[in-house]
Amino acid sequence: MRTSGDYVPSNAQQFSVFMRNLLDYANLHKTAWNIPQARLNTLYNLFDDFENALISTAGSHTPAQTLARQEAQAAATRELRAFVNQFLRFPPVTNVDRVEMGVPNHDTIRTDHFVVTENVDFVIRLSAIRELVIDFWIQGADHKAKPTGYDGAVIIWEVLDTPPADHSALIHHALASRTPYRLHFDETQRGKAVYIALAWQNARGIQGHWSDIKVAYVP
């Protein structure tokens, strides 16, 4: 079963089939689509956790086992949605590919209200130790409000020894519903370079273009 307008099944058995198909299809095309293996591994690990929890509820089971399955499915779903929005919404992934994976294609007939045309601009500020603050806004705007009806900005980042070749190297992500957004780091990461980029995401889960990648150093 799927909730109205949602492409991700809520029924556990249907979710299992859906996610397995998407993972295997994305893994087959990961090189052509420039998907980092680490991101696929994260998804596969969450899917394995869900599958194990699903197996435990196949026969007689406890309420605790049901809750564990539901929580594992919710965690896998969150990561799956972020993965789709970051890697599967744009070329070289085609409309046919998305149909094969069960991901809906954008409706190009509808108005621009359903297309993310705004770009993000942002600055990175030092705050406390092991913390960076990101202030973001619509590029060219004189205010910091997010576009009307949008979920917020997707932030991707990674601590790296050398500058990344492209956005796919930034494997950590978060959805910031408002500005500013705070990133927290481990003590072992202090003094290291962190590379950050942002893109707007509207209420339909459609994501805009990535900003330029900016660098800061973990205080």
C-alpha atoms as a PDB file:
ATOM      1  CA  MET A   1       0.000   0.000   0.000  1.00  0.00           C
ATOM      2  CA  ARG A   2       1.138   3.532  -0.765  1.00  0.00           C
ATOM      3  CA  THR A   3      -0.004   6.757   0.780  1.00  0.00           C
ATOM      4  CA  SER A   4      -1.671   9.200  -1.602  1.00  0.00           C
ATOM      5  CA  GLY A   5       0.862  10.741  -3.945  1.00  0.00           C
ATOM      6  CA  ASP A   6       3.787   8.776  -2.465  1.00  0.00           C
ATOM      7  CA  TYR A   7       5.910   6.486  -4.611  1.00  0.00           C
ATOM      8  CA  VAL A   8       7.433   4.640  -1.629  1.00  0.00           C
ATOM      9  CA  PRO A   9       5.192   1.751  -0.463  1.00  0.00           C
ATOM     10  CA  SER A  10       4.229   1.769   3.209  1.00  0.00           C
ATOM     11  CA  ASN A  11       3.355  -1.942   3.229  1.00  0.00           C
ATOM     12  CA  ALA A  12       6.430  -3.808   4.471  1.00  0.00           C
ATOM     13  CA  GLN A  13       6.386  -6.597   1.873  1.00  0.00           C
ATOM     14  CA  GLN A  14       5.828  -4.159  -1.003  1.00  0.00           C
ATOM     15  CA  PHE A  15       8.539  -1.885   0.368  1.00  0.00           C
ATOM     16  CA  SER A  16      10.958  -4.813   0.392  1.00  0.00           C
ATOM     17  CA  VAL A  17      10.331  -5.546  -3.294  1.00  0.00           C
ATOM     18  CA  PHE A  18      10.444  -1.859  -4.248  1.00  0.00           C
ATOM     19  CA  MET A  19      13.700  -1.057  -2.463  1.00  0.00           C
ATOM     20  CA  ARG A  20      15.474  -4.228  -3.595  1.00  0.00           C
ATOM     21  CA  ASN A  21      14.630  -3.446  -7.214  1.00  0.00           C
ATOM     22  CA  LEU A  22      15.766   0.177  -6.927  1.00  0.00           C
ATOM     23  CA  LEU A  23      19.012  -0.751  -5.176  1.00  0.00           C
ATOM     24  CA  ASP A  24      19.954  -3.437  -7.664  1.00  0.00           C
ATOM     25  CA  TYR A  25      19.134  -1.179 -10.625  1.00  0.00           C
ATOM     26  CA  ALA A  26      21.115   1.742  -9.197  1.00  0.00           C
ATOM     27  CA  ASN A  27      24.039  -0.527  -8.351  1.00  0.00           C
ATOM     28  CA  LEU A  28      24.101  -1.783 -11.943  1.00  0.00           C
ATOM     29  CA  HIS A  29      24.395   1.819 -13.228  1.00  0.00           C
ATOM     30  CA  LYS A  30      26.452   3.353 -10.410  1.00  0.00           C
ATOM     31  CA  THR A  31      29.518   4.062 -12.562  1.00  0.00           C
ATOM     32  CA  ALA A  32      27.588   5.719 -15.385  1.00  0.00           C
ATOM     33  CA  TRP A  33      25.535   7.722 -12.878  1.00  0.00           C
ATOM     34  CA  ASN A  34      28.562   8.649 -10.740  1.00  0.00           C
ATOM     35  CA  ILE A  35      27.067   7.259  -7.522  1.00  0.00           C
ATOM     36  CA  PRO A  36      29.615   6.795  -4.706  1.00  0.00           C
ATOM     37  CA  GLN A  37      29.863   3.221  -3.494  1.00  0.00           C
ATOM     38  CA  ALA A  38      29.720   4.479   0.078  1.00  0.00           C
ATOM     39  CA  ARG A  39      26.212   5.860  -0.439  1.00  0.00           C
ATOM     40  CA  LEU A  40      25.026   2.591  -1.940  1.00  0.00           C
ATOM     41  CA  ASN A  41      26.607   0.685   0.940  1.00  0.00           C
ATOM     42  CA  THR A  42      24.703   2.848   3.424  1.00  0.00           C
ATOM     43  CA  LEU A  43      21.438   2.055   1.676  1.00  0.00           C
ATOM     44  CA  TYR A  44      22.214  -1.662   1.433  1.00  0.00           C
ATOM     45  CA  ASN A  45      23.066  -1.782   5.149  1.00  0.00           C
ATOM     46  CA  LEU A  46      19.798  -0.087   6.108  1.00  0.00           C
ATOM     47  CA  PHE A  47      17.918  -2.402   3.768  1.00  0.00           C
ATOM     48  CA  ASP A  48      19.593  -5.430   5.365  1.00  0.00           C
ATOM     49  CA  ASP A  49      18.525  -4.165   8.795  1.00  0.00           C
ATOM     50  CA  PHE A  50      14.963  -3.856   7.534  1.00  0.00           C
ATOM     51  CA  GLU A  51      14.988  -7.297   5.882  1.00  0.00           C
ATOM     52  CA  ASN A  52      16.233  -8.918   9.088  1.00  0.00           C
ATOM     53  CA  ALA A  53      13.489  -7.167  11.047  1.00  0.00           C
ATOM     54  CA  LEU A  54      10.933  -8.205   8.428  1.00  0.00           C
ATOM     55  CA  ILE A  55      11.977 -11.853   8.667  1.00  0.00           C
ATOM     56  CA  SER A  56      11.567 -11.726  12.455  1.00  0.00           C
ATOM     57  CA  THR A  57       7.898 -10.749  12.024  1.00  0.00           C
ATOM     58  CA  ALA A  58       7.067 -13.377   9.399  1.00  0.00           C
ATOM     59  CA  GLY A  59       5.549 -15.766  11.930  1.00  0.00           C
ATOM     60  CA  SER A  60       4.454 -15.341  15.502  1.00  0.00           C
ATOM     61  CA  HIS A  61       6.156 -12.232  16.854  1.00  0.00           C
ATOM     62  CA  THR A  62       6.073  -9.680  19.641  1.00  0.00           C
ATOM     63  CA  PRO A  63       4.997  -6.030  19.557  1.00  0.00           C
ATOM     64  CA  ALA A  64       8.657  -5.129  20.078  1.00  0.00           C
ATOM     65  CA  GLN A  65       9.615  -6.983  16.898  1.00  0.00           C
ATOM     66  CA  THR A  66       6.891  -5.162  14.982  1.00  0.00           C
ATOM     67  CA  LEU A  67       8.184  -1.837  16.269  1.00  0.00           C
ATOM     68  CA  ALA A  68      11.747  -2.775  15.300  1.00  0.00           C
ATOM     69  CA  ARG A  69      10.572  -3.545  11.761  1.00  0.00           C
ATOM     70  CA  GLN A  70       8.693  -0.252  11.522  1.00  0.00           C
ATOM     71  CA  GLU A  71      11.677   1.731  12.763  1.00  0.00           C
ATOM     72  CA  ALA A  72      14.032  -0.057  10.366  1.00  0.00           C
ATOM     73  CA  GLN A  73      11.676   0.671   7.462  1.00  0.00           C
ATOM     74  CA  ALA A  74      11.420   4.343   8.462  1.00  0.00           C
ATOM     75  CA  ALA A  75      15.212   4.688   8.626  1.00  0.00           C
ATOM     76  CA  ALA A  76      15.641   3.011   5.235  1.00  0.00           C
ATOM     77  CA  THR A  77      12.899   5.191   3.729  1.00  0.00           C
ATOM     78  CA  ARG A  78      14.532   8.437   4.913  1.00  0.00           C
ATOM     79  CA  GLU A  79      17.872   7.511   3.397  1.00  0.00           C
ATOM     80  CA  LEU A  80      16.195   6.222   0.238  1.00  0.00           C
ATOM     81  CA  ARG A  81      14.354   9.508  -0.374  1.00  0.00           C
ATOM     82  CA  ALA A  82      17.552  11.513   0.085  1.00  0.00           C
ATOM     83  CA  PHE A  83      19.395   9.146  -2.254  1.00  0.00           C
ATOM     84  CA  VAL A  84      16.709   9.476  -4.951  1.00  0.00           C
ATOM     85  CA  ASN A  85      16.697  13.266  -4.710  1.00  0.00           C
ATOM     86  CA  GLN A  86      20.486  13.515  -4.869  1.00  0.00           C
ATOM     87  CA  PHE A  87      21.299  10.975  -7.570  1.00  0.00           C
ATOM     88  CA  LEU A  88      18.227   9.844  -9.513  1.00  0.00           C
ATOM     89  CA  ARG A  89      16.282  13.010 -10.371  1.00  0.00           C
ATOM     90  CA  PHE A  90      18.571  14.336 -13.110  1.00  0.00           C
ATOM     91  CA  PRO A  91      20.491  13.159 -16.206  1.00  0.00           C
ATOM     92  CA  PRO A  92      22.193  10.875 -16.993  1.00  0.00           C
ATOM     93  CA  VAL A  93      19.327   8.983 -15.297  1.00  0.00           C
ATOM     94  CA  THR A  94      16.529   8.824 -17.871  1.00  0.00           C
ATOM     95  CA  ASN A  95      12.742   8.742 -17.594  1.00  0.00           C
ATOM     96  CA  VAL A  96      12.851   5.073 -18.605  1.00  0.00           C
ATOM     97  CA  ASP A  97      15.338   4.350 -15.815  1.00  0.00           C
ATOM     98  CA  ARG A  98      13.065   5.982 -13.259  1.00  0.00           C
ATOM     99  CA  VAL A  99      10.080   3.952 -14.466  1.00  0.00           C
ATOM    100  CA  GLU A 100      12.160   0.784 -14.087  1.00  0.00           C
ATOM    101  CA  MET A 101      12.987   1.784 -10.496  1.00  0.00           C
ATOM    102  CA  GLY A 102       9.460   2.876  -9.611  1.00  0.00           C
ATOM    103  CA  VAL A 103      10.470   6.530  -9.180  1.00  0.00           C
ATOM    104  CA  PRO A 104       7.958   8.995 -10.679  1.00  0.00           C
ATOM    105  CA  ASN A 105       9.105  11.291 -13.465  1.00  0.00           C
ATOM    106  CA  HIS A 106       8.586  15.025 -13.254  1.00  0.00           C
ATOM    107  CA  ASP A 107       5.479  16.260 -15.020  1.00  0.00           C
ATOM    108  CA  THR A 108       6.866  18.573 -17.705  1.00  0.00           C
ATOM    109  CA  ILE A 109       3.361  19.649 -18.741  1.00  0.00           C
ATOM    110  CA  ARG A 110       2.578  21.374 -15.457  1.00  0.00           C
ATOM    111  CA  THR A 111       3.504  24.910 -14.554  1.00  0.00           C
ATOM    112  CA  ASP A 112       6.870  26.082 -13.289  1.00  0.00           C
ATOM    113  CA  HIS A 113       5.421  25.957  -9.771  1.00  0.00           C
ATOM    114  CA  PHE A 114       6.409  22.274  -9.852  1.00  0.00           C
ATOM    115  CA  VAL A 115       9.939  22.954 -11.075  1.00  0.00           C
ATOM    116  CA  VAL A 116      12.743  24.211  -8.836  1.00  0.00           C
ATOM    117  CA  THR A 117      14.181  27.218 -10.641  1.00  0.00           C
ATOM    118  CA  GLU A 118      15.724  29.017  -7.649  1.00  0.00           C
ATOM    119  CA  ASN A 119      19.374  28.621  -6.709  1.00  0.00           C
ATOM    120  CA  VAL A 120      20.847  28.675  -3.210  1.00  0.00           C
ATOM    121  CA  ASP A 121      23.530  31.042  -1.981  1.00  0.00           C
ATOM    122  CA  PHE A 122      25.118  30.597   1.419  1.00  0.00           C
ATOM    123  CA  VAL A 123      27.937  31.516   3.777  1.00  0.00           C
ATOM    124  CA  ILE A 124      29.676  29.358   6.347  1.00  0.00           C
ATOM    125  CA  ARG A 125      30.340  30.834   9.798  1.00  0.00           C
ATOM    126  CA  LEU A 126      32.372  29.608  12.742  1.00  0.00           C
ATOM    127  CA  SER A 127      30.357  29.178  15.910  1.00  0.00           C
ATOM    128  CA  ALA A 128      31.601  26.880  18.656  1.00  0.00           C
ATOM    129  CA  ILE A 129      34.252  24.188  18.614  1.00  0.00           C
ATOM    130  CA  ARG A 130      33.371  21.298  16.309  1.00  0.00           C
ATOM    131  CA  GLU A 131      30.518  23.327  14.817  1.00  0.00           C
ATOM    132  CA  LEU A 132      29.903  25.280  11.610  1.00  0.00           C
ATOM    133  CA  VAL A 133      26.853  27.454  10.946  1.00  0.00           C
ATOM    134  CA  ILE A 134      25.396  27.724   7.439  1.00  0.00           C
ATOM    135  CA  ASP A 135      23.311  30.778   6.545  1.00  0.00           C
ATOM    136  CA  PHE A 136      21.466  30.275   3.255  1.00  0.00           C
ATOM    137  CA  TRP A 137      19.004  32.183   1.083  1.00  0.00           C
ATOM    138  CA  ILE A 138      17.617  32.444  -2.437  1.00  0.00           C
ATOM    139  CA  GLN A 139      20.416  33.589  -4.697  1.00  0.00           C
ATOM    140  CA  GLY A 140      19.882  37.257  -5.544  1.00  0.00           C
ATOM    141  CA  ALA A 141      17.206  37.797  -2.883  1.00  0.00           C
ATOM    142  CA  ASP A 142      17.393  40.486  -0.196  1.00  0.00           C
ATOM    143  CA  HIS A 143      15.851  38.229   2.470  1.00  0.00           C
ATOM    144  CA  LYS A 144      16.597  34.804   3.951  1.00  0.00           C
ATOM    145  CA  ALA A 145      13.156  33.227   3.649  1.00  0.00           C
ATOM    146  CA  LYS A 146      13.022  29.932   1.763  1.00  0.00           C
ATOM    147  CA  PRO A 147      10.902  29.842  -1.430  1.00  0.00           C
ATOM    148  CA  THR A 148       7.193  29.673  -0.676  1.00  0.00           C
ATOM    149  CA  GLY A 149       5.920  26.126  -0.283  1.00  0.00           C
ATOM    150  CA  TYR A 150       9.400  24.554  -0.237  1.00  0.00           C
ATOM    151  CA  ASP A 151      10.633  21.962   2.258  1.00  0.00           C
ATOM    152  CA  GLY A 152      13.951  23.769   2.587  1.00  0.00           C
ATOM    153  CA  ALA A 153      17.518  23.303   1.405  1.00  0.00           C
ATOM    154  CA  VAL A 154      19.315  19.993   1.029  1.00  0.00           C
ATOM    155  CA  ILE A 155      22.840  20.293   2.441  1.00  0.00           C
ATOM    156  CA  ILE A 156      25.560  17.858   1.412  1.00  0.00           C
ATOM    157  CA  TRP A 157      29.060  17.785   2.860  1.00  0.00           C
ATOM    158  CA  GLU A 158      32.168  15.721   3.460  1.00  0.00           C
ATOM    159  CA  VAL A 159      35.480  16.094   5.282  1.00  0.00           C
ATOM    160  CA  LEU A 160      38.215  15.487   2.706  1.00  0.00           C
ATOM    161  CA  ASP A 161      41.982  15.764   2.419  1.00  0.00           C
ATOM    162  CA  THR A 162      41.741  17.124  -1.128  1.00  0.00           C
ATOM    163  CA  PRO A 163      39.070  19.135  -2.988  1.00  0.00           C
ATOM    164  CA  PRO A 164      36.315  16.918  -4.441  1.00  0.00           C
ATOM    165  CA  ALA A 165      36.046  16.360  -8.175  1.00  0.00           C
ATOM    166  CA  ASP A 166      32.286  16.899  -8.080  1.00  0.00           C
ATOM    167  CA  HIS A 167      29.235  16.933  -5.821  1.00  0.00           C
ATOM    168  CA  SER A 168      28.948  13.130  -5.668  1.00  0.00           C
ATOM    169  CA  ALA A 169      31.909  13.043  -3.264  1.00  0.00           C
ATOM    170  CA  LEU A 170      29.821  14.851  -0.638  1.00  0.00           C
ATOM    171  CA  ILE A 171      28.069  11.845   0.845  1.00  0.00           C
ATOM    172  CA  HIS A 172      26.602  13.304   4.063  1.00  0.00           C
ATOM    173  CA  HIS A 173      23.288  15.098   3.754  1.00  0.00           C
ATOM    174  CA  ALA A 174      20.567  16.867   5.698  1.00  0.00           C
ATOM    175  CA  LEU A 175      17.383  18.772   4.897  1.00  0.00           C
ATOM    176  CA  ALA A 176      17.438  22.235   6.506  1.00  0.00           C
ATOM    177  CA  SER A 177      13.910  23.586   6.839  1.00  0.00           C
ATOM    178  CA  ARG A 178      15.152  27.002   7.944  1.00  0.00           C
ATOM    179  CA  THR A 179      18.301  29.086   8.139  1.00  0.00           C
ATOM    180  CA  PRO A 180      20.752  28.970   9.821  1.00  0.00           C
ATOM    181  CA  TYR A 181      21.670  25.283   9.987  1.00  0.00           C
ATOM    182  CA  ARG A 182      24.388  23.915  12.278  1.00  0.00           C
ATOM    183  CA  LEU A 183      26.766  21.133  11.309  1.00  0.00           C
ATOM    184  CA  HIS A 184      28.470  19.218  14.123  1.00  0.00           C
ATOM    185  CA  PHE A 185      31.728  17.296  13.863  1.00  0.00           C
ATOM    186  CA  ASP A 186      33.889  14.923  15.887  1.00  0.00           C
ATOM    187  CA  GLU A 187      36.957  15.969  17.822  1.00  0.00           C
ATOM    188  CA  THR A 188      39.114  14.004  15.363  1.00  0.00           C
ATOM    189  CA  GLN A 189      37.876  16.251  12.527  1.00  0.00           C
ATOM    190  CA  ARG A 190      38.987  19.555  14.044  1.00  0.00           C
ATOM    191  CA  GLY A 191      41.220  21.558  11.712  1.00  0.00           C
ATOM    192  CA  LYS A 192      40.224  19.517   8.670  1.00  0.00           C
ATOM    193  CA  ALA A 193      38.619  20.849   5.495  1.00  0.00           C
ATOM    194  CA  VAL A 194      34.895  20.247   5.014  1.00  0.00           C
ATOM    195  CA  TYR A 195      33.342  20.801   1.588  1.00  0.00           C
ATOM    196  CA  ILE A 196      29.694  21.898   1.433  1.00  0.00           C
ATOM    197  CA  ALA A 197      27.009  22.483  -1.214  1.00  0.00           C
ATOM    198  CA  LEU A 198      23.259  23.190  -1.125  1.00  0.00           C
ATOM    199  CA  ALA A 199      20.170  22.888  -3.341  1.00  0.00           C
ATOM    200  CA  TRP A 200      16.536  23.861  -2.780  1.00  0.00           C
ATOM    201  CA  GLN A 201      13.894  21.141  -2.451  1.00  0.00           C
ATOM    202  CA  ASN A 202      10.202  21.872  -2.950  1.00  0.00           C
ATOM    203  CA  ALA A 203       7.211  20.277  -1.253  1.00  0.00           C
ATOM    204  CA  ARG A 204       6.947  17.611  -3.964  1.00  0.00           C
ATOM    205  CA  GLY A 205      10.454  16.392  -3.180  1.00  0.00           C
ATOM    206  CA  ILE A 206      11.848  17.900  -6.389  1.00  0.00           C
ATOM    207  CA  GLN A 207      15.353  19.216  -5.984  1.00  0.00           C
ATOM    208  CA  GLY A 208      17.032  22.118  -7.772  1.00  0.00           C
ATOM    209  CA  HIS A 209      20.587  22.547  -9.013  1.00  0.00           C
ATOM    210  CA  TRP A 210      23.505  22.248  -6.632  1.00  0.00           C
ATOM    211  CA  SER A 211      25.335  25.389  -5.609  1.00  0.00           C
ATOM    212  CA  ASP A 212      29.062  25.777  -6.003  1.00  0.00           C
ATOM    213  CA  ILE A 213      31.041  23.730  -3.499  1.00  0.00           C
ATOM    214  CA  LYS A 214      32.474  25.860  -0.687  1.00  0.00           C
ATOM    215  CA  VAL A 215      35.129  24.915   1.862  1.00  0.00           C
ATOM    216  CA  ALA A 216      35.543  25.682   5.559  1.00  0.00           C
ATOM    217  CA  TYR A 217      37.683  24.262   8.339  1.00  0.00           C
ATOM    218  CA  VAL A 218      36.258  22.527  11.380  1.00  0.00           C
ATOM    219  CA  PRO A 219      37.016  24.732  14.400  1.00  0.00           C
END
